[in-house]
Protein backbone atom coordinates (compact mmCIF):
# COMPACT_ATOMS: atom_id res chain seq x y z
CA MET A 1 -14.87 5.92 -18.66
CA THR A 2 -13.93 8.22 -15.79
CA GLU A 3 -10.37 9.32 -15.09
CA GLN A 4 -10.32 7.06 -12.00
CA ASP A 5 -11.53 4.04 -14.02
CA SER A 6 -8.61 4.52 -16.37
CA LEU A 7 -6.22 4.27 -13.40
CA GLU A 8 -7.45 0.81 -12.38
CA LYS A 9 -5.15 -2.00 -13.45
CA THR A 10 -4.60 -5.46 -12.09
CA PRO A 11 -1.18 -6.16 -10.55
CA SER A 12 -0.23 -8.58 -13.34
CA GLU A 13 -0.62 -5.78 -15.90
CA PHE A 14 2.40 -3.89 -14.58
CA LYS A 15 5.43 -4.61 -16.74
CA PHE A 16 8.74 -3.20 -15.60
CA THR A 17 12.36 -4.21 -15.17
CA PHE A 18 14.44 -3.85 -12.04
CA ASP A 19 18.04 -3.83 -10.88
CA ASP A 20 19.42 -6.98 -9.25
CA SER A 21 19.89 -4.96 -6.05
CA VAL A 22 16.10 -4.93 -5.48
CA SER A 23 15.40 -8.58 -6.35
CA GLU A 24 14.85 -9.29 -2.64
CA TRP A 25 11.53 -7.40 -2.98
CA ASN A 26 10.41 -9.35 -6.06
CA VAL A 27 8.19 -11.55 -3.86
CA ASN A 28 4.73 -11.02 -2.37
CA HIS A 29 4.86 -8.93 0.80
CA ARG A 30 3.56 -11.83 2.95
CA GLU A 31 6.38 -14.05 1.66
CA TRP A 32 8.92 -11.28 2.32
CA LEU A 33 7.69 -10.93 5.92
CA LYS A 34 7.85 -14.70 6.46
CA THR A 35 11.31 -15.07 4.89
CA HIS A 36 12.69 -12.20 7.00
CA ASP A 37 10.94 -13.41 10.18
CA LYS A 38 9.14 -10.09 10.68
CA THR A 39 5.89 -9.71 12.60
CA TRP A 40 4.78 -6.43 11.05
CA ASP A 41 1.23 -6.37 9.72
CA SER A 42 2.32 -5.49 6.21
CA LEU A 43 4.79 -3.66 4.00
CA ALA A 44 4.38 -0.33 2.24
CA THR A 45 6.32 1.25 -0.61
CA GLY A 46 7.25 4.67 -1.88
CA ALA A 47 8.39 5.71 -5.36
CA LEU A 48 10.95 8.45 -5.93
CA ILE A 49 10.35 9.78 -9.45
CA PHE A 50 12.80 12.24 -11.03
CA ASP A 51 12.31 14.12 -14.28
CA ALA A 52 15.00 14.94 -16.85
CA SER A 53 15.86 18.12 -14.91
CA ASN A 54 16.60 16.12 -11.71
CA ARG A 55 13.46 17.36 -9.98
CA ILE A 56 11.46 15.01 -7.77
CA LEU A 57 7.71 14.44 -7.95
CA LEU A 58 5.88 15.42 -4.76
CA LEU A 59 2.14 14.98 -4.21
CA GLN A 60 0.05 17.14 -1.89
CA ARG A 61 -2.21 15.12 0.39
CA ALA A 62 -5.95 15.75 0.28
CA PRO A 63 -7.30 18.30 2.79
CA ASP A 64 -9.51 15.73 4.52
CA ASP A 65 -6.86 12.98 4.83
CA SER A 66 -4.37 12.43 7.63
CA MET A 67 -1.49 14.93 7.44
CA PRO A 68 -3.72 17.21 5.33
CA ASN A 69 -2.14 19.43 2.68
CA ARG A 70 1.36 18.08 3.33
CA TRP A 71 3.62 16.75 0.57
CA GLU A 72 5.01 13.26 -0.04
CA ILE A 73 6.24 10.86 -2.69
CA PRO A 74 3.70 8.46 -4.25
CA GLY A 75 3.26 5.25 -2.27
CA GLY A 76 1.14 3.12 0.00
CA ALA A 77 0.53 -0.30 1.48
CA CYS A 78 1.10 -3.52 -0.43
CA ASP A 79 -2.01 -5.57 -1.20
CA ASP A 80 -2.22 -9.35 -0.93
CA GLU A 81 -3.04 -9.38 -4.66
CA ASP A 82 0.27 -7.70 -5.53
CA GLU A 83 2.54 -10.22 -7.22
CA SER A 84 5.50 -8.70 -5.39
CA VAL A 85 6.51 -5.75 -3.24
CA LEU A 86 7.86 -4.19 -6.45
CA HIS A 87 4.47 -4.67 -8.12
CA GLY A 88 2.89 -2.99 -5.09
CA CYS A 89 5.20 -0.03 -5.68
CA ALA A 90 4.22 0.10 -9.37
CA ARG A 91 0.51 -0.20 -8.53
CA GLU A 92 0.61 2.58 -5.93
CA LEU A 93 2.52 4.80 -8.36
CA TRP A 94 -0.14 4.19 -11.01
CA GLU A 95 -3.07 4.70 -8.62
CA GLU A 96 -1.70 7.85 -6.98
CA ALA A 97 0.06 9.60 -9.86
CA GLY A 98 -1.11 7.86 -13.05
CA LEU A 99 2.52 7.11 -13.94
CA GLU A 100 3.67 3.79 -15.38
CA ALA A 101 6.78 2.24 -13.83
CA MET A 102 9.41 1.30 -16.41
CA HIS A 103 12.43 0.37 -14.25
CA ILE A 104 12.99 0.13 -10.50
CA ARG A 105 16.58 1.17 -9.78
CA HIS A 106 17.40 0.75 -6.10
CA VAL A 107 16.01 0.89 -2.59
CA ILE A 108 16.67 4.00 -0.51
CA PRO A 109 18.71 3.22 2.65
CA ASP A 110 16.57 5.45 4.87
CA GLY A 111 16.31 3.32 8.00
CA ALA A 112 18.35 2.89 11.15
CA GLY A 113 22.04 2.32 10.53
CA GLY A 114 21.72 3.15 6.84
CA LYS A 115 19.57 0.10 6.12
CA PRO A 116 16.44 0.35 3.98
CA GLY A 117 13.00 0.49 5.56
CA GLN A 118 11.11 2.66 8.01
CA VAL A 119 8.74 1.10 10.55
CA PHE A 120 5.58 3.08 11.34
CA THR A 121 2.07 2.56 12.71
CA ASN A 122 -1.35 3.28 11.30
CA ARG A 123 -3.45 6.17 12.63
CA THR A 124 -4.66 4.15 15.64
CA GLY A 125 -1.19 2.87 16.49
CA LYS A 126 -2.42 -0.74 16.42
CA ARG A 127 -0.94 -1.94 13.12
CA PHE A 128 2.74 -1.90 12.20
CA PHE A 129 4.17 -1.47 8.72
CA CYS A 130 7.62 -1.18 7.21
CA LYS A 131 7.97 1.11 4.22
CA PHE A 132 10.60 0.60 1.53
CA SER A 133 11.16 3.42 -0.94
CA PHE A 134 12.63 2.89 -4.41
CA GLU A 135 13.89 5.16 -7.17
CA VAL A 136 11.68 4.39 -10.16
CA ASP A 137 12.01 5.40 -13.81
CA VAL A 138 8.64 5.97 -15.49
CA VAL A 139 7.46 5.80 -19.09
CA ASP A 140 6.58 9.52 -19.25
CA THR A 141 6.92 12.08 -16.45
CA ARG A 142 4.46 14.43 -18.20
CA ASP A 143 1.45 12.18 -17.57
CA VAL A 144 0.76 12.86 -13.87
CA LYS A 145 -2.90 12.16 -13.02
CA LEU A 146 -3.97 12.41 -9.39
CA ASP A 147 -6.65 10.54 -7.47
CA PRO A 148 -8.50 13.48 -5.84
CA LYS A 149 -9.52 11.29 -2.90
CA GLU A 150 -5.86 11.05 -1.93
CA HIS A 151 -4.00 14.02 -3.43
CA GLN A 152 -4.94 17.52 -4.55
CA ASP A 153 -1.84 18.81 -6.34
CA TYR A 154 1.69 17.96 -7.44
CA VAL A 155 4.99 19.71 -8.05
CA TRP A 156 8.37 18.84 -9.52
CA ALA A 157 10.81 20.13 -6.89
CA THR A 158 14.56 20.65 -7.00
CA GLU A 159 16.83 19.44 -4.21
CA GLU A 160 17.15 23.00 -2.91
CA GLU A 161 13.37 23.51 -2.95
CA VAL A 162 12.94 20.32 -0.92
CA LYS A 163 15.58 21.45 1.60
CA VAL A 164 13.78 24.73 2.27
CA GLN A 165 10.32 23.16 1.67
CA ARG A 166 9.39 26.06 -0.59
CA MET A 167 9.03 26.38 -4.35
CA ARG A 168 10.95 29.26 -5.93
CA GLU A 169 8.22 29.92 -8.45
CA GLY A 170 5.33 31.58 -6.65
CA ASP A 171 7.12 31.33 -3.29
CA ARG A 172 4.83 28.41 -2.40
CA GLU A 173 5.42 26.35 0.74
CA ILE A 174 5.70 22.57 0.30
CA PRO A 175 5.87 21.16 3.84
CA LEU A 176 6.71 17.45 3.72
CA THR A 177 4.69 14.99 5.80
CA ASN A 178 7.38 14.28 8.40
CA ALA A 179 11.11 13.96 9.10
CA ILE A 180 11.14 10.45 7.62
CA MET A 181 9.86 11.78 4.29
CA VAL A 182 12.50 14.52 4.35
CA ARG A 183 15.23 11.91 4.92
CA VAL A 184 13.94 9.62 2.15
CA VAL A 185 13.86 12.46 -0.38
CA GLU A 186 17.28 13.80 0.64
CA MET A 187 18.78 10.29 0.39
CA GLY A 188 17.15 9.87 -3.02
CA PHE A 189 18.79 13.05 -4.31
CA ALA A 190 22.17 12.02 -2.84
CA LEU A 191 22.09 8.54 -4.43
CA ARG A 192 21.01 9.95 -7.79
CA LYS A 193 23.83 12.52 -7.73
CA ALA A 194 26.40 9.85 -6.78
CA ARG A 195 25.24 7.64 -9.67
CA GLN A 196 25.39 10.53 -12.15
CA ASP A 197 28.86 11.57 -10.94
CA ALA A 198 30.23 8.02 -11.23
């Protein structure tokens, strides 16, 4: 069995719990779009993963993909086979980082007016998506396994390292994909800190 084969699971195999605050996304993405009267082509998700040292997982995009060599959180488009948007988040996390979702905490309010969700287009500008990012606890943060077709490296970055987009160790640059990704990650750190201080 290859490493990639071991990362293939069916959506029903993902077992995780979630906070009541994200129950709105515990439906298939098509149902969510219909219920919310949205005409976007689909939904996408992102997973903010923190380790015990409050560092966030960032993945470096493959050199031959769009936004080559830039850094992002794990995530991607929901599939029709995904039981729910939350299952889509768990699946993308598994496929891109080899990490198993244990608990989905909350959605990141990264959109206009402090609401969750960022609308974006595909590369051609013909399809519209809305991406919701969630803070996710995983079974074991030490088990990162990348899909080399999508990502080439990963780091665990502190809030300060994200702000300057540079790792202290080795003085390595970690340019994030875009301003939206910067905002999502910064909001994730702020919400985590507020929860820990409460």
